[in-house]
Amino acid sequence: MIILGIDPGYAIVGYGIVECNNGRSRPLGYGAIRTSKDMAMAERLKQIGEGIDTLIAHYSPDAIAVEELFFHTNQKTAIKVAQARGVILYKASVANVILYEYTPLQIKQAITGYGRADKRQIQEMVKVMLGLSAIPKPDDASDALAVALTHSQTDRLSALFKV
């Protein structure tokens, strides 16, 4: 199974592609779709959509896993991230790729076993789980790989309970 994990944003959208077979995961690629602060929001959203299209066309994922939004302070930022997230969800739907969404708490629990793990703990576990020599950069890519790994674990465990 190939999973495209996405950490949504509007300046930086992190992505991580993981191939999972028989309980083992390996990274196929990771990075970020970046938009310039000098661009109009509509252009930024277009660039994000085109980047998602390119990733889907190149990797042909079986599933797309996206982090759900969690904001409790800056509503202006939350609205912009929500707009970018909407484009990502739309592109997954148009491509007919099954979409899964995970909260930050679910991701932390799946990756570290602790729902209040900090960013560094998650990054270290992503590195270990994928057998990488260094923590993936930018941080958004590491976060996206964590989302993909969360789906891999969730999918594998749910298969054990199917009747």
N, C-alpha and C. Protein backbone atom coordinates (compact mmCIF):
# COMPACT_ATOMS: atom_id res chain seq x y z
N MET A 1 0.85 -1.18 0.00
CA MET A 1 0.00 0.00 0.00
C MET A 1 0.89 1.24 0.00
N ILE A 2 0.55 2.19 -0.83
CA ILE A 2 1.27 3.47 -0.87
C ILE A 2 0.37 4.53 -0.25
N ILE A 3 0.92 5.23 0.73
CA ILE A 3 0.16 6.25 1.46
C ILE A 3 0.83 7.60 1.28
N LEU A 4 0.04 8.58 0.89
CA LEU A 4 0.49 9.97 0.82
C LEU A 4 0.01 10.67 2.08
N GLY A 5 0.94 11.04 2.95
CA GLY A 5 0.61 11.78 4.16
C GLY A 5 0.79 13.27 3.91
N ILE A 6 -0.14 14.06 4.43
CA ILE A 6 -0.09 15.51 4.20
C ILE A 6 -0.28 16.27 5.51
N ASP A 7 0.64 17.23 5.71
CA ASP A 7 0.54 18.18 6.81
C ASP A 7 0.11 19.50 6.17
N PRO A 8 -1.18 19.88 6.29
CA PRO A 8 -1.67 21.04 5.55
C PRO A 8 -1.14 22.37 6.08
N GLY A 9 -1.03 23.31 5.19
CA GLY A 9 -0.64 24.68 5.48
C GLY A 9 -0.88 25.50 4.24
N TYR A 10 -0.60 26.77 4.29
CA TYR A 10 -0.76 27.58 3.08
C TYR A 10 0.58 28.17 2.63
N ALA A 11 1.55 28.30 3.52
CA ALA A 11 2.89 28.71 3.13
C ALA A 11 3.72 27.47 2.81
N ILE A 12 3.55 26.43 3.63
CA ILE A 12 4.25 25.16 3.45
C ILE A 12 3.27 24.02 3.68
N VAL A 13 3.13 23.16 2.68
CA VAL A 13 2.35 21.93 2.80
C VAL A 13 3.37 20.79 2.83
N GLY A 14 3.48 20.12 3.96
CA GLY A 14 4.39 18.99 4.05
C GLY A 14 3.77 17.76 3.43
N TYR A 15 4.60 16.95 2.76
CA TYR A 15 4.10 15.68 2.23
C TYR A 15 5.13 14.59 2.49
N GLY A 16 4.62 13.39 2.64
CA GLY A 16 5.47 12.22 2.83
C GLY A 16 4.79 11.03 2.22
N ILE A 17 5.51 10.27 1.42
CA ILE A 17 4.96 9.10 0.77
C ILE A 17 5.64 7.88 1.36
N VAL A 18 4.83 6.94 1.85
CA VAL A 18 5.33 5.75 2.50
C VAL A 18 4.72 4.52 1.83
N GLU A 19 5.55 3.53 1.57
CA GLU A 19 5.06 2.25 1.07
C GLU A 19 5.07 1.27 2.23
N CYS A 20 3.94 0.60 2.44
CA CYS A 20 3.79 -0.31 3.57
C CYS A 20 3.45 -1.71 3.06
N ASN A 21 4.25 -2.68 3.48
CA ASN A 21 4.03 -4.08 3.12
C ASN A 21 4.38 -4.96 4.30
N ASN A 22 3.44 -5.85 4.69
CA ASN A 22 3.69 -6.83 5.74
C ASN A 22 4.23 -6.20 7.03
N GLY A 23 3.67 -5.08 7.42
CA GLY A 23 4.07 -4.43 8.67
C GLY A 23 5.34 -3.61 8.59
N ARG A 24 5.94 -3.53 7.41
CA ARG A 24 7.16 -2.73 7.23
C ARG A 24 6.82 -1.51 6.38
N SER A 25 7.44 -0.40 6.75
CA SER A 25 7.22 0.85 6.02
C SER A 25 8.54 1.39 5.51
N ARG A 26 8.51 1.92 4.30
CA ARG A 26 9.71 2.58 3.76
C ARG A 26 9.30 3.86 3.06
N PRO A 27 10.13 4.88 3.20
CA PRO A 27 9.79 6.16 2.56
C PRO A 27 10.07 6.11 1.06
N LEU A 28 9.14 6.62 0.29
CA LEU A 28 9.34 6.76 -1.16
C LEU A 28 9.74 8.19 -1.51
N GLY A 29 9.39 9.12 -0.65
CA GLY A 29 9.73 10.52 -0.88
C GLY A 29 9.08 11.40 0.16
N TYR A 30 9.63 12.59 0.30
CA TYR A 30 9.04 13.57 1.21
C TYR A 30 9.58 14.94 0.86
N GLY A 31 8.86 15.95 1.31
CA GLY A 31 9.26 17.32 1.02
C GLY A 31 8.13 18.28 1.34
N ALA A 32 8.11 19.38 0.61
CA ALA A 32 7.11 20.41 0.88
C ALA A 32 6.72 21.13 -0.40
N ILE A 33 5.46 21.49 -0.45
CA ILE A 33 4.96 22.40 -1.48
C ILE A 33 4.98 23.77 -0.82
N ARG A 34 5.72 24.70 -1.40
CA ARG A 34 5.88 26.03 -0.80
C ARG A 34 5.20 27.09 -1.68
N THR A 35 4.58 28.04 -1.00
CA THR A 35 4.00 29.17 -1.71
C THR A 35 4.61 30.45 -1.15
N SER A 36 4.66 31.47 -1.96
CA SER A 36 5.26 32.74 -1.56
C SER A 36 4.24 33.64 -0.88
N LYS A 37 4.68 34.32 0.16
CA LYS A 37 3.80 35.27 0.85
C LYS A 37 3.42 36.44 -0.05
N ASP A 38 4.16 36.63 -1.15
CA ASP A 38 3.85 37.71 -2.09
C ASP A 38 2.73 37.36 -3.06
N MET A 39 2.32 36.09 -3.07
CA MET A 39 1.25 35.65 -3.97
C MET A 39 -0.11 35.93 -3.35
N ALA A 40 -1.09 36.18 -4.21
CA ALA A 40 -2.47 36.30 -3.74
C ALA A 40 -2.91 34.93 -3.22
N MET A 41 -3.84 34.92 -2.28
CA MET A 41 -4.28 33.65 -1.68
C MET A 41 -4.81 32.69 -2.74
N ALA A 42 -5.55 33.19 -3.70
CA ALA A 42 -6.08 32.32 -4.75
C ALA A 42 -4.95 31.64 -5.53
N GLU A 43 -3.88 32.35 -5.78
CA GLU A 43 -2.73 31.78 -6.49
C GLU A 43 -2.01 30.74 -5.63
N ARG A 44 -1.93 31.02 -4.33
CA ARG A 44 -1.31 30.06 -3.43
C ARG A 44 -2.11 28.75 -3.42
N LEU A 45 -3.44 28.87 -3.35
CA LEU A 45 -4.29 27.69 -3.34
C LEU A 45 -4.16 26.92 -4.65
N LYS A 46 -4.06 27.63 -5.75
CA LYS A 46 -3.87 26.99 -7.05
C LYS A 46 -2.55 26.21 -7.08
N GLN A 47 -1.50 26.82 -6.57
CA GLN A 47 -0.18 26.17 -6.55
C GLN A 47 -0.21 24.92 -5.67
N ILE A 48 -0.89 25.00 -4.54
CA ILE A 48 -1.03 23.83 -3.66
C ILE A 48 -1.78 22.72 -4.39
N GLY A 49 -2.88 23.07 -5.05
CA GLY A 49 -3.66 22.08 -5.79
C GLY A 49 -2.84 21.42 -6.88
N GLU A 50 -2.06 22.20 -7.60
CA GLU A 50 -1.22 21.65 -8.66
C GLU A 50 -0.15 20.73 -8.08
N GLY A 51 0.39 21.11 -6.93
CA GLY A 51 1.39 20.27 -6.27
C GLY A 51 0.80 18.94 -5.84
N ILE A 52 -0.41 18.96 -5.30
CA ILE A 52 -1.08 17.72 -4.89
C ILE A 52 -1.36 16.86 -6.12
N ASP A 53 -1.83 17.48 -7.20
CA ASP A 53 -2.06 16.73 -8.44
C ASP A 53 -0.79 16.03 -8.91
N THR A 54 0.34 16.73 -8.86
CA THR A 54 1.62 16.17 -9.29
C THR A 54 2.01 14.97 -8.42
N LEU A 55 1.85 15.10 -7.10
CA LEU A 55 2.19 13.99 -6.20
C LEU A 55 1.31 12.77 -6.46
N ILE A 56 0.02 13.00 -6.64
CA ILE A 56 -0.90 11.89 -6.90
C ILE A 56 -0.55 11.21 -8.23
N ALA A 57 -0.27 12.00 -9.25
CA ALA A 57 0.07 11.43 -10.56
C ALA A 57 1.38 10.65 -10.50
N HIS A 58 2.36 11.14 -9.76
CA HIS A 58 3.67 10.50 -9.70
C HIS A 58 3.69 9.23 -8.85
N TYR A 59 3.03 9.25 -7.70
CA TYR A 59 3.10 8.13 -6.76
C TYR A 59 1.90 7.19 -6.79
N SER A 60 0.79 7.60 -7.40
CA SER A 60 -0.44 6.79 -7.44
C SER A 60 -0.76 6.18 -6.07
N PRO A 61 -0.99 7.00 -5.06
CA PRO A 61 -1.23 6.46 -3.72
C PRO A 61 -2.55 5.69 -3.64
N ASP A 62 -2.55 4.69 -2.75
CA ASP A 62 -3.77 3.93 -2.47
C ASP A 62 -4.63 4.66 -1.46
N ALA A 63 -4.01 5.51 -0.67
CA ALA A 63 -4.71 6.28 0.36
C ALA A 63 -3.98 7.60 0.58
N ILE A 64 -4.76 8.59 0.99
CA ILE A 64 -4.21 9.88 1.38
C ILE A 64 -4.64 10.12 2.82
N ALA A 65 -3.67 10.44 3.67
CA ALA A 65 -3.94 10.71 5.08
C ALA A 65 -3.57 12.17 5.35
N VAL A 66 -4.52 12.90 5.92
CA VAL A 66 -4.34 14.33 6.16
C VAL A 66 -4.55 14.63 7.64
N GLU A 67 -3.68 15.49 8.17
CA GLU A 67 -3.85 15.91 9.56
C GLU A 67 -5.03 16.88 9.66
N GLU A 68 -5.87 16.65 10.66
CA GLU A 68 -6.98 17.57 10.92
C GLU A 68 -6.43 18.83 11.57
N LEU A 69 -7.18 19.91 11.43
CA LEU A 69 -6.75 21.19 12.01
C LEU A 69 -7.02 21.24 13.50
N PHE A 70 -6.10 21.86 14.20
CA PHE A 70 -6.29 22.12 15.61
C PHE A 70 -5.68 23.48 15.91
N PHE A 71 -6.52 24.47 16.06
CA PHE A 71 -6.07 25.82 16.40
C PHE A 71 -6.89 26.32 17.57
N HIS A 72 -6.24 27.00 18.46
CA HIS A 72 -6.99 27.61 19.56
C HIS A 72 -6.56 29.05 19.80
N THR A 73 -5.77 29.60 18.89
CA THR A 73 -5.34 30.99 19.09
C THR A 73 -5.64 31.84 17.86
N ASN A 74 -4.84 31.74 16.83
CA ASN A 74 -4.93 32.64 15.69
C ASN A 74 -5.97 32.20 14.66
N GLN A 75 -7.14 32.83 14.71
CA GLN A 75 -8.23 32.44 13.82
C GLN A 75 -7.94 32.81 12.36
N LYS A 76 -7.22 33.88 12.13
CA LYS A 76 -6.89 34.29 10.76
C LYS A 76 -6.03 33.22 10.09
N THR A 77 -5.04 32.71 10.80
CA THR A 77 -4.20 31.64 10.27
C THR A 77 -5.03 30.38 10.07
N ALA A 78 -5.90 30.06 11.01
CA ALA A 78 -6.74 28.86 10.92
C ALA A 78 -7.60 28.89 9.66
N ILE A 79 -8.13 30.04 9.33
CA ILE A 79 -8.99 30.15 8.14
C ILE A 79 -8.17 29.90 6.88
N LYS A 80 -6.98 30.46 6.81
CA LYS A 80 -6.13 30.25 5.62
C LYS A 80 -5.70 28.80 5.49
N VAL A 81 -5.33 28.18 6.60
CA VAL A 81 -4.94 26.77 6.56
C VAL A 81 -6.16 25.91 6.18
N ALA A 82 -7.32 26.27 6.68
CA ALA A 82 -8.54 25.53 6.33
C ALA A 82 -8.83 25.63 4.83
N GLN A 83 -8.58 26.80 4.25
CA GLN A 83 -8.77 26.94 2.80
C GLN A 83 -7.83 26.01 2.03
N ALA A 84 -6.57 25.97 2.44
CA ALA A 84 -5.59 25.10 1.79
C ALA A 84 -5.97 23.64 1.99
N ARG A 85 -6.42 23.31 3.18
CA ARG A 85 -6.84 21.95 3.48
C ARG A 85 -8.03 21.56 2.60
N GLY A 86 -8.93 22.50 2.36
CA GLY A 86 -10.07 22.24 1.48
C GLY A 86 -9.62 21.87 0.07
N VAL A 87 -8.62 22.56 -0.43
CA VAL A 87 -8.08 22.25 -1.76
C VAL A 87 -7.50 20.83 -1.76
N ILE A 88 -6.78 20.49 -0.71
CA ILE A 88 -6.17 19.16 -0.60
C ILE A 88 -7.25 18.08 -0.59
N LEU A 89 -8.29 18.27 0.21
CA LEU A 89 -9.37 17.29 0.27
C LEU A 89 -10.08 17.17 -1.07
N TYR A 90 -10.30 18.29 -1.73
CA TYR A 90 -10.93 18.30 -3.05
C TYR A 90 -10.10 17.51 -4.06
N LYS A 91 -8.80 17.76 -4.08
CA LYS A 91 -7.92 17.08 -5.04
C LYS A 91 -7.90 15.57 -4.80
N ALA A 92 -7.92 15.15 -3.55
CA ALA A 92 -7.98 13.72 -3.24
C ALA A 92 -9.29 13.13 -3.76
N SER A 93 -10.38 13.85 -3.56
CA SER A 93 -11.70 13.39 -4.00
C SER A 93 -11.77 13.27 -5.52
N VAL A 94 -11.29 14.29 -6.22
CA VAL A 94 -11.32 14.28 -7.68
C VAL A 94 -10.47 13.13 -8.24
N ALA A 95 -9.38 12.81 -7.56
CA ALA A 95 -8.50 11.73 -8.00
C ALA A 95 -9.02 10.35 -7.60
N ASN A 96 -10.14 10.31 -6.88
CA ASN A 96 -10.73 9.06 -6.41
C ASN A 96 -9.79 8.24 -5.52
N VAL A 97 -9.03 8.94 -4.69
CA VAL A 97 -8.16 8.29 -3.73
C VAL A 97 -8.86 8.36 -2.37
N ILE A 98 -8.89 7.22 -1.68
CA ILE A 98 -9.55 7.17 -0.38
C ILE A 98 -8.82 8.10 0.59
N LEU A 99 -9.59 8.90 1.30
CA LEU A 99 -9.05 9.92 2.19
C LEU A 99 -9.30 9.55 3.65
N TYR A 100 -8.27 9.72 4.48
CA TYR A 100 -8.38 9.49 5.91
C TYR A 100 -7.86 10.73 6.62
N GLU A 101 -8.48 11.04 7.76
CA GLU A 101 -8.09 12.22 8.51
C GLU A 101 -7.77 11.81 9.95
N TYR A 102 -6.69 12.40 10.48
CA TYR A 102 -6.24 12.08 11.83
C TYR A 102 -5.97 13.36 12.61
N THR A 103 -6.37 13.35 13.87
CA THR A 103 -6.12 14.49 14.73
C THR A 103 -4.67 14.46 15.20
N PRO A 104 -4.15 15.60 15.65
CA PRO A 104 -2.80 15.60 16.21
C PRO A 104 -2.64 14.60 17.37
N LEU A 105 -3.67 14.45 18.19
CA LEU A 105 -3.62 13.50 19.30
C LEU A 105 -3.49 12.07 18.79
N GLN A 106 -4.26 11.72 17.77
CA GLN A 106 -4.18 10.37 17.20
C GLN A 106 -2.79 10.10 16.62
N ILE A 107 -2.22 11.09 15.98
CA ILE A 107 -0.89 10.94 15.37
C ILE A 107 0.16 10.74 16.46
N LYS A 108 0.12 11.57 17.49
CA LYS A 108 1.08 11.44 18.59
C LYS A 108 0.98 10.08 19.26
N GLN A 109 -0.24 9.61 19.48
CA GLN A 109 -0.42 8.31 20.12
C GLN A 109 0.09 7.18 19.22
N ALA A 110 -0.19 7.26 17.93
CA ALA A 110 0.24 6.20 17.01
C ALA A 110 1.75 6.15 16.87
N ILE A 111 2.39 7.29 16.84
CA ILE A 111 3.83 7.34 16.58
C ILE A 111 4.66 7.14 17.85
N THR A 112 4.23 7.72 18.96
CA THR A 112 5.05 7.65 20.18
C THR A 112 4.39 6.86 21.32
N GLY A 113 3.09 6.61 21.18
CA GLY A 113 2.38 5.94 22.28
C GLY A 113 1.95 6.90 23.37
N TYR A 114 2.19 8.20 23.16
CA TYR A 114 1.88 9.21 24.16
C TYR A 114 1.23 10.41 23.48
N GLY A 115 -0.01 10.73 23.85
CA GLY A 115 -0.78 11.77 23.20
C GLY A 115 -0.29 13.19 23.42
N ARG A 116 0.65 13.37 24.34
CA ARG A 116 1.19 14.71 24.59
C ARG A 116 2.66 14.80 24.20
N ALA A 117 3.08 13.92 23.32
CA ALA A 117 4.47 13.93 22.87
C ALA A 117 4.79 15.26 22.20
N ASP A 118 6.04 15.70 22.32
CA ASP A 118 6.42 16.95 21.66
C ASP A 118 6.93 16.67 20.25
N LYS A 119 7.12 17.73 19.50
CA LYS A 119 7.51 17.64 18.09
C LYS A 119 8.81 16.84 17.91
N ARG A 120 9.76 17.06 18.78
CA ARG A 120 11.06 16.38 18.66
C ARG A 120 10.91 14.87 18.83
N GLN A 121 10.06 14.44 19.78
CA GLN A 121 9.83 13.01 19.98
C GLN A 121 9.22 12.37 18.74
N ILE A 122 8.28 13.06 18.13
CA ILE A 122 7.64 12.54 16.92
C ILE A 122 8.66 12.45 15.79
N GLN A 123 9.46 13.47 15.64
CA GLN A 123 10.47 13.47 14.58
C GLN A 123 11.47 12.33 14.76
N GLU A 124 11.90 12.09 15.98
CA GLU A 124 12.84 11.00 16.26
C GLU A 124 12.22 9.65 15.94
N MET A 125 10.95 9.48 16.30
CA MET A 125 10.28 8.21 16.03
C MET A 125 10.07 8.00 14.53
N VAL A 126 9.75 9.05 13.79
CA VAL A 126 9.62 8.94 12.33
C VAL A 126 10.95 8.47 11.75
N LYS A 127 12.02 9.07 12.21
CA LYS A 127 13.37 8.70 11.75
C LYS A 127 13.63 7.22 12.02
N VAL A 128 13.34 6.77 13.22
CA VAL A 128 13.58 5.38 13.61
C VAL A 128 12.67 4.43 12.83
N MET A 129 11.38 4.74 12.77
CA MET A 129 10.41 3.85 12.12
C MET A 129 10.72 3.65 10.63
N LEU A 130 11.29 4.67 10.01
CA LEU A 130 11.58 4.58 8.57
C LEU A 130 13.04 4.26 8.29
N GLY A 131 13.83 4.08 9.34
CA GLY A 131 15.24 3.74 9.16
C GLY A 131 16.04 4.82 8.47
N LEU A 132 15.72 6.07 8.76
CA LEU A 132 16.41 7.20 8.14
C LEU A 132 17.66 7.57 8.95
N SER A 133 18.63 8.16 8.28
CA SER A 133 19.85 8.56 8.98
C SER A 133 19.71 9.91 9.67
N ALA A 134 18.71 10.69 9.27
CA ALA A 134 18.48 12.00 9.87
C ALA A 134 16.98 12.30 9.89
N ILE A 135 16.60 13.23 10.72
CA ILE A 135 15.20 13.68 10.78
C ILE A 135 14.88 14.39 9.47
N PRO A 136 13.78 14.01 8.83
CA PRO A 136 13.41 14.67 7.56
C PRO A 136 13.18 16.17 7.74
N LYS A 137 13.61 16.93 6.77
CA LYS A 137 13.42 18.38 6.75
C LYS A 137 12.66 18.75 5.50
N PRO A 138 11.84 19.78 5.51
CA PRO A 138 11.51 20.60 6.68
C PRO A 138 10.64 19.83 7.68
N ASP A 139 10.38 20.44 8.83
CA ASP A 139 9.57 19.82 9.88
C ASP A 139 8.22 19.37 9.33
N ASP A 140 7.68 20.12 8.38
CA ASP A 140 6.38 19.79 7.80
C ASP A 140 6.42 18.45 7.08
N ALA A 141 7.55 18.11 6.47
CA ALA A 141 7.70 16.82 5.80
C ALA A 141 7.73 15.70 6.83
N SER A 142 8.43 15.92 7.93
CA SER A 142 8.47 14.94 9.01
C SER A 142 7.07 14.72 9.57
N ASP A 143 6.32 15.81 9.74
CA ASP A 143 4.94 15.71 10.23
C ASP A 143 4.08 14.92 9.25
N ALA A 144 4.27 15.14 7.96
CA ALA A 144 3.49 14.43 6.95
C ALA A 144 3.81 12.94 6.95
N LEU A 145 5.09 12.60 7.12
CA LEU A 145 5.46 11.19 7.23
C LEU A 145 4.81 10.56 8.45
N ALA A 146 4.71 11.31 9.55
CA ALA A 146 4.03 10.81 10.75
C ALA A 146 2.56 10.53 10.47
N VAL A 147 1.93 11.38 9.67
CA VAL A 147 0.52 11.17 9.31
C VAL A 147 0.39 9.89 8.48
N ALA A 148 1.28 9.70 7.52
CA ALA A 148 1.25 8.49 6.69
C ALA A 148 1.48 7.24 7.54
N LEU A 149 2.44 7.30 8.46
CA LEU A 149 2.71 6.16 9.33
C LEU A 149 1.52 5.87 10.26
N THR A 150 0.85 6.92 10.69
CA THR A 150 -0.35 6.74 11.52
C THR A 150 -1.39 5.95 10.75
N HIS A 151 -1.58 6.32 9.48
CA HIS A 151 -2.57 5.57 8.70
C HIS A 151 -2.12 4.13 8.48
N SER A 152 -0.85 3.92 8.24
CA SER A 152 -0.34 2.57 8.05
C SER A 152 -0.65 1.69 9.26
N GLN A 153 -0.39 2.21 10.45
CA GLN A 153 -0.65 1.45 11.67
C GLN A 153 -2.14 1.24 11.89
N THR A 154 -2.92 2.28 11.65
CA THR A 154 -4.37 2.19 11.84
C THR A 154 -4.96 1.17 10.88
N ASP A 155 -4.52 1.21 9.62
CA ASP A 155 -5.03 0.30 8.61
C ASP A 155 -4.66 -1.15 8.95
N ARG A 156 -3.44 -1.36 9.37
CA ARG A 156 -2.96 -2.71 9.70
C ARG A 156 -3.73 -3.27 10.90
N LEU A 157 -3.95 -2.44 11.92
CA LEU A 157 -4.68 -2.91 13.11
C LEU A 157 -6.15 -3.16 12.80
N SER A 158 -6.75 -2.29 12.01
CA SER A 158 -8.17 -2.48 11.69
C SER A 158 -8.37 -3.75 10.87
N ALA A 159 -7.39 -4.12 10.05
CA ALA A 159 -7.50 -5.36 9.27
C ALA A 159 -7.53 -6.59 10.16
N LEU A 160 -6.90 -6.51 11.33
CA LEU A 160 -6.90 -7.64 12.24
C LEU A 160 -8.28 -7.91 12.84
N PHE A 161 -9.11 -6.86 12.87
CA PHE A 161 -10.43 -7.00 13.51
C PHE A 161 -11.57 -7.15 12.51
N LYS A 162 -11.26 -7.19 11.23
CA LYS A 162 -12.31 -7.39 10.24
C LYS A 162 -12.77 -8.83 10.27
N VAL A 163 -14.05 -8.99 10.13
CA VAL A 163 -14.63 -10.34 10.16
C VAL A 163 -14.89 -10.85 8.76
